[in-house]
Amino acid sequence: MKPDFAAAMPNMIRHQGEWEGTYRHLDRDGALLDEHRMWTWCEFPDEGPFAYVQYNRLSWDDGRTATYEFGGVYRDDRLYWDTDRFSGYGWETAEGTLMLKLDRLDVPGAYYIEMINIAPDNQTRARTWQWFKDGRPWKRTLCDEWRVK
């Protein structure tokens, strides 16, 4: 783990490991748009270009699946991402909440603000995404996850 990153974002480090959970996408009125299961592995490599690497496996009840892998670069007290699906940055608040602002490159005109809170016991976490499209609130994503290891 890179020391400057660990010093600037100590609560981010608490997310290291394997997580499983359920993601629910809701429209502005609260109607369910999509629900899927998520497996996530978060790591903080000592070597290489990335301060943070995340691996995801998504699965739906109808048999669909998707996998993603992406890394984040640390600079100026923030973590930056630039992938084929999104670009943006994350930071940590004084209270330990992780905040992300991500532009969705795969959805023109869309971005979301994500808030991630890990429980004091480090075993569960909640994530909330506030989506905007063309500058207007569009949908919300609620993520409930638990640590596998």
C-alpha atoms as a PDB file:
ATOM      1  CA  MET A   1       0.000   0.000   0.000  1.00  0.00           C
ATOM      2  CA  LYS A   2       1.325   3.415  -0.896  1.00  0.00           C
ATOM      3  CA  PRO A   3       1.989   5.402   2.336  1.00  0.00           C
ATOM      4  CA  ASP A   4       0.763   8.821   1.123  1.00  0.00           C
ATOM      5  CA  PHE A   5      -2.526   7.285  -0.027  1.00  0.00           C
ATOM      6  CA  ALA A   6      -3.020   5.434   3.272  1.00  0.00           C
ATOM      7  CA  ALA A   7      -2.361   8.626   5.243  1.00  0.00           C
ATOM      8  CA  ALA A   8      -4.780  10.748   3.184  1.00  0.00           C
ATOM      9  CA  MET A   9      -7.587   8.160   2.923  1.00  0.00           C
ATOM     10  CA  PRO A  10      -7.347   5.896   6.012  1.00  0.00           C
ATOM     11  CA  ASN A  11     -11.012   4.877   5.905  1.00  0.00           C
ATOM     12  CA  MET A  12     -10.710   3.814   2.266  1.00  0.00           C
ATOM     13  CA  ILE A  13      -8.213   1.184   3.410  1.00  0.00           C
ATOM     14  CA  ARG A  14     -10.924  -0.370   5.611  1.00  0.00           C
ATOM     15  CA  HIS A  15     -12.686  -1.506   2.419  1.00  0.00           C
ATOM     16  CA  GLN A  16      -9.885  -3.876   1.428  1.00  0.00           C
ATOM     17  CA  GLY A  17     -11.065  -7.428   0.842  1.00  0.00           C
ATOM     18  CA  GLU A  18     -13.997  -9.355  -0.583  1.00  0.00           C
ATOM     19  CA  TRP A  19     -17.599  -8.128  -0.465  1.00  0.00           C
ATOM     20  CA  GLU A  20     -20.979  -9.431  -1.623  1.00  0.00           C
ATOM     21  CA  GLY A  21     -24.207  -7.534  -1.849  1.00  0.00           C
ATOM     22  CA  THR A  22     -27.377  -6.468  -3.566  1.00  0.00           C
ATOM     23  CA  TYR A  23     -27.698  -3.388  -5.771  1.00  0.00           C
ATOM     24  CA  ARG A  24     -31.096  -1.841  -6.431  1.00  0.00           C
ATOM     25  CA  HIS A  25     -31.649   0.898  -9.030  1.00  0.00           C
ATOM     26  CA  LEU A  26     -34.769   3.007  -8.423  1.00  0.00           C
ATOM     27  CA  ASP A  27     -36.414   5.692 -10.526  1.00  0.00           C
ATOM     28  CA  ARG A  28     -37.174   9.145  -9.091  1.00  0.00           C
ATOM     29  CA  ASP A  29     -40.496   7.863  -7.715  1.00  0.00           C
ATOM     30  CA  GLY A  30     -38.892   4.865  -5.978  1.00  0.00           C
ATOM     31  CA  ALA A  31     -40.001   2.184  -8.471  1.00  0.00           C
ATOM     32  CA  LEU A  32     -37.505  -0.641  -8.949  1.00  0.00           C
ATOM     33  CA  LEU A  33     -35.681  -0.389 -12.303  1.00  0.00           C
ATOM     34  CA  ASP A  34     -33.111  -3.146 -11.768  1.00  0.00           C
ATOM     35  CA  GLU A  35     -31.755  -5.419  -9.059  1.00  0.00           C
ATOM     36  CA  HIS A  36     -28.664  -7.600  -9.169  1.00  0.00           C
ATOM     37  CA  ARG A  37     -26.132  -9.301  -6.954  1.00  0.00           C
ATOM     38  CA  MET A  38     -22.572  -8.001  -6.783  1.00  0.00           C
ATOM     39  CA  TRP A  39     -19.282  -9.573  -5.788  1.00  0.00           C
ATOM     40  CA  THR A  40     -16.447  -7.070  -5.270  1.00  0.00           C
ATOM     41  CA  TRP A  41     -12.767  -7.437  -4.448  1.00  0.00           C
ATOM     42  CA  CYS A  42     -10.933  -4.257  -3.329  1.00  0.00           C
ATOM     43  CA  GLU A  43      -7.148  -4.159  -3.132  1.00  0.00           C
ATOM     44  CA  PHE A  44      -4.408  -1.585  -2.557  1.00  0.00           C
ATOM     45  CA  PRO A  45      -1.267  -2.763  -4.383  1.00  0.00           C
ATOM     46  CA  ASP A  46       2.224  -1.804  -3.228  1.00  0.00           C
ATOM     47  CA  GLU A  47       3.554  -1.823  -6.795  1.00  0.00           C
ATOM     48  CA  GLY A  48       2.286  -0.625 -10.152  1.00  0.00           C
ATOM     49  CA  PRO A  49       0.458   2.454 -11.399  1.00  0.00           C
ATOM     50  CA  PHE A  50      -2.696   2.079  -9.288  1.00  0.00           C
ATOM     51  CA  ALA A  51      -3.224   2.896  -5.621  1.00  0.00           C
ATOM     52  CA  TYR A  52      -6.544   1.025  -5.736  1.00  0.00           C
ATOM     53  CA  VAL A  53      -7.881  -1.816  -7.885  1.00  0.00           C
ATOM     54  CA  GLN A  54     -11.452  -3.104  -7.884  1.00  0.00           C
ATOM     55  CA  TYR A  55     -12.863  -6.282  -9.438  1.00  0.00           C
ATOM     56  CA  ASN A  56     -16.632  -6.785  -9.872  1.00  0.00           C
ATOM     57  CA  ARG A  57     -18.898  -9.671 -10.869  1.00  0.00           C
ATOM     58  CA  LEU A  58     -22.563  -8.819 -11.358  1.00  0.00           C
ATOM     59  CA  SER A  59     -25.315 -11.430 -11.705  1.00  0.00           C
ATOM     60  CA  TRP A  60     -29.047 -11.217 -12.344  1.00  0.00           C
ATOM     61  CA  ASP A  61     -31.814 -13.743 -11.658  1.00  0.00           C
ATOM     62  CA  ASP A  62     -32.371 -14.139 -15.410  1.00  0.00           C
ATOM     63  CA  GLY A  63     -28.834 -15.511 -15.887  1.00  0.00           C
ATOM     64  CA  ARG A  64     -27.111 -12.371 -17.190  1.00  0.00           C
ATOM     65  CA  THR A  65     -23.624 -11.654 -15.845  1.00  0.00           C
ATOM     66  CA  ALA A  66     -20.991  -8.953 -16.234  1.00  0.00           C
ATOM     67  CA  THR A  67     -17.424  -8.545 -14.983  1.00  0.00           C
ATOM     68  CA  TYR A  68     -15.323  -5.410 -14.589  1.00  0.00           C
ATOM     69  CA  GLU A  69     -11.840  -4.526 -13.397  1.00  0.00           C
ATOM     70  CA  PHE A  70     -10.507  -1.008 -12.929  1.00  0.00           C
ATOM     71  CA  GLY A  71      -7.788   0.873 -11.106  1.00  0.00           C
ATOM     72  CA  GLY A  72      -7.558   4.260  -9.475  1.00  0.00           C
ATOM     73  CA  VAL A  73      -4.569   6.600  -9.378  1.00  0.00           C
ATOM     74  CA  TYR A  74      -3.875   8.653  -6.240  1.00  0.00           C
ATOM     75  CA  ARG A  75      -2.844  12.310  -6.514  1.00  0.00           C
ATOM     76  CA  ASP A  76      -3.635  15.578  -4.738  1.00  0.00           C
ATOM     77  CA  ASP A  77      -5.422  13.794  -1.853  1.00  0.00           C
ATOM     78  CA  ARG A  78      -7.927  12.174  -4.245  1.00  0.00           C
ATOM     79  CA  LEU A  79      -8.352   8.888  -6.039  1.00  0.00           C
ATOM     80  CA  TYR A  80      -8.916   9.294  -9.805  1.00  0.00           C
ATOM     81  CA  TRP A  81     -10.481   6.837 -12.261  1.00  0.00           C
ATOM     82  CA  ASP A  82     -10.476   6.933 -16.048  1.00  0.00           C
ATOM     83  CA  THR A  83     -12.046   3.845 -17.643  1.00  0.00           C
ATOM     84  CA  ASP A  84     -14.077   3.109 -20.760  1.00  0.00           C
ATOM     85  CA  ARG A  85     -17.318   3.363 -18.704  1.00  0.00           C
ATOM     86  CA  PHE A  86     -16.625   6.234 -16.294  1.00  0.00           C
ATOM     87  CA  SER A  87     -14.151   8.873 -15.177  1.00  0.00           C
ATOM     88  CA  GLY A  88     -13.985  10.937 -12.045  1.00  0.00           C
ATOM     89  CA  TYR A  89     -12.573  11.070  -8.565  1.00  0.00           C
ATOM     90  CA  GLY A  90     -13.126  10.102  -4.949  1.00  0.00           C
ATOM     91  CA  TRP A  91     -12.231  11.665  -1.622  1.00  0.00           C
ATOM     92  CA  GLU A  92     -12.748  11.019   2.064  1.00  0.00           C
ATOM     93  CA  THR A  93     -14.638  13.371   4.384  1.00  0.00           C
ATOM     94  CA  ALA A  94     -13.403  14.298   7.854  1.00  0.00           C
ATOM     95  CA  GLU A  95     -16.017  11.870   9.235  1.00  0.00           C
ATOM     96  CA  GLY A  96     -14.677   8.963   7.151  1.00  0.00           C
ATOM     97  CA  THR A  97     -17.375   8.843   4.481  1.00  0.00           C
ATOM     98  CA  LEU A  98     -16.082   8.071   1.007  1.00  0.00           C
ATOM     99  CA  MET A  99     -17.480  10.318  -1.713  1.00  0.00           C
ATOM    100  CA  LEU A 100     -17.187   9.762  -5.462  1.00  0.00           C
ATOM    101  CA  LYS A 101     -18.142  11.967  -8.409  1.00  0.00           C
ATOM    102  CA  LEU A 102     -18.189   9.831 -11.563  1.00  0.00           C
ATOM    103  CA  ASP A 103     -19.115  10.870 -15.106  1.00  0.00           C
ATOM    104  CA  ARG A 104     -20.685   7.946 -16.976  1.00  0.00           C
ATOM    105  CA  LEU A 105     -19.005   7.759 -20.358  1.00  0.00           C
ATOM    106  CA  ASP A 106     -21.314   4.902 -21.393  1.00  0.00           C
ATOM    107  CA  VAL A 107     -24.455   6.992 -20.703  1.00  0.00           C
ATOM    108  CA  PRO A 108     -24.207  10.380 -22.456  1.00  0.00           C
ATOM    109  CA  GLY A 109     -24.984  13.319 -20.185  1.00  0.00           C
ATOM    110  CA  ALA A 110     -25.046  11.187 -17.009  1.00  0.00           C
ATOM    111  CA  TYR A 111     -23.015  11.250 -13.793  1.00  0.00           C
ATOM    112  CA  TYR A 112     -23.526  10.193 -10.222  1.00  0.00           C
ATOM    113  CA  ILE A 113     -22.413  11.158  -6.767  1.00  0.00           C
ATOM    114  CA  GLU A 114     -21.735   8.138  -4.552  1.00  0.00           C
ATOM    115  CA  MET A 115     -21.573   8.018  -0.762  1.00  0.00           C
ATOM    116  CA  ILE A 116     -20.014   4.942   0.885  1.00  0.00           C
ATOM    117  CA  ASN A 117     -20.209   4.263   4.598  1.00  0.00           C
ATOM    118  CA  ILE A 118     -18.647   1.249   6.260  1.00  0.00           C
ATOM    119  CA  ALA A 119     -20.019   0.063   9.607  1.00  0.00           C
ATOM    120  CA  PRO A 120     -17.804   0.470  12.695  1.00  0.00           C
ATOM    121  CA  ASP A 121     -17.238  -3.318  12.810  1.00  0.00           C
ATOM    122  CA  ASN A 122     -15.895  -3.269   9.200  1.00  0.00           C
ATOM    123  CA  GLN A 123     -18.273  -6.112   8.231  1.00  0.00           C
ATOM    124  CA  THR A 124     -21.047  -4.285   6.359  1.00  0.00           C
ATOM    125  CA  ARG A 125     -21.300  -1.165   4.248  1.00  0.00           C
ATOM    126  CA  ALA A 126     -23.951   0.924   2.531  1.00  0.00           C
ATOM    127  CA  ARG A 127     -23.540   2.786  -0.728  1.00  0.00           C
ATOM    128  CA  THR A 128     -25.931   5.328  -2.204  1.00  0.00           C
ATOM    129  CA  TRP A 129     -25.657   6.743  -5.725  1.00  0.00           C
ATOM    130  CA  GLN A 130     -27.518   9.899  -6.752  1.00  0.00           C
ATOM    131  CA  TRP A 131     -27.726   9.843 -10.567  1.00  0.00           C
ATOM    132  CA  PHE A 132     -28.122  12.938 -12.751  1.00  0.00           C
ATOM    133  CA  LYS A 133     -28.766  13.040 -16.485  1.00  0.00           C
ATOM    134  CA  ASP A 134     -28.535  16.284 -18.430  1.00  0.00           C
ATOM    135  CA  GLY A 135     -28.173  18.070 -15.084  1.00  0.00           C
ATOM    136  CA  ARG A 136     -31.388  16.718 -13.523  1.00  0.00           C
ATOM    137  CA  PRO A 137     -31.947  13.984 -10.908  1.00  0.00           C
ATOM    138  CA  TRP A 138     -32.606  10.743 -12.769  1.00  0.00           C
ATOM    139  CA  LYS A 139     -32.429   7.694 -10.499  1.00  0.00           C
ATOM    140  CA  ARG A 140     -30.885   6.312  -7.321  1.00  0.00           C
ATOM    141  CA  THR A 141     -28.900   3.199  -6.540  1.00  0.00           C
ATOM    142  CA  LEU A 142     -28.950   1.561  -3.118  1.00  0.00           C
ATOM    143  CA  CYS A 143     -26.202  -0.954  -2.338  1.00  0.00           C
ATOM    144  CA  ASP A 144     -26.112  -3.183   0.727  1.00  0.00           C
ATOM    145  CA  GLU A 145     -22.917  -5.206   1.106  1.00  0.00           C
ATOM    146  CA  TRP A 146     -21.288  -7.518   3.626  1.00  0.00           C
ATOM    147  CA  ARG A 147     -17.688  -8.615   3.979  1.00  0.00           C
ATOM    148  CA  VAL A 148     -16.909 -12.148   2.839  1.00  0.00           C
ATOM    149  CA  LYS A 149     -13.208 -11.922   3.787  1.00  0.00           C
END
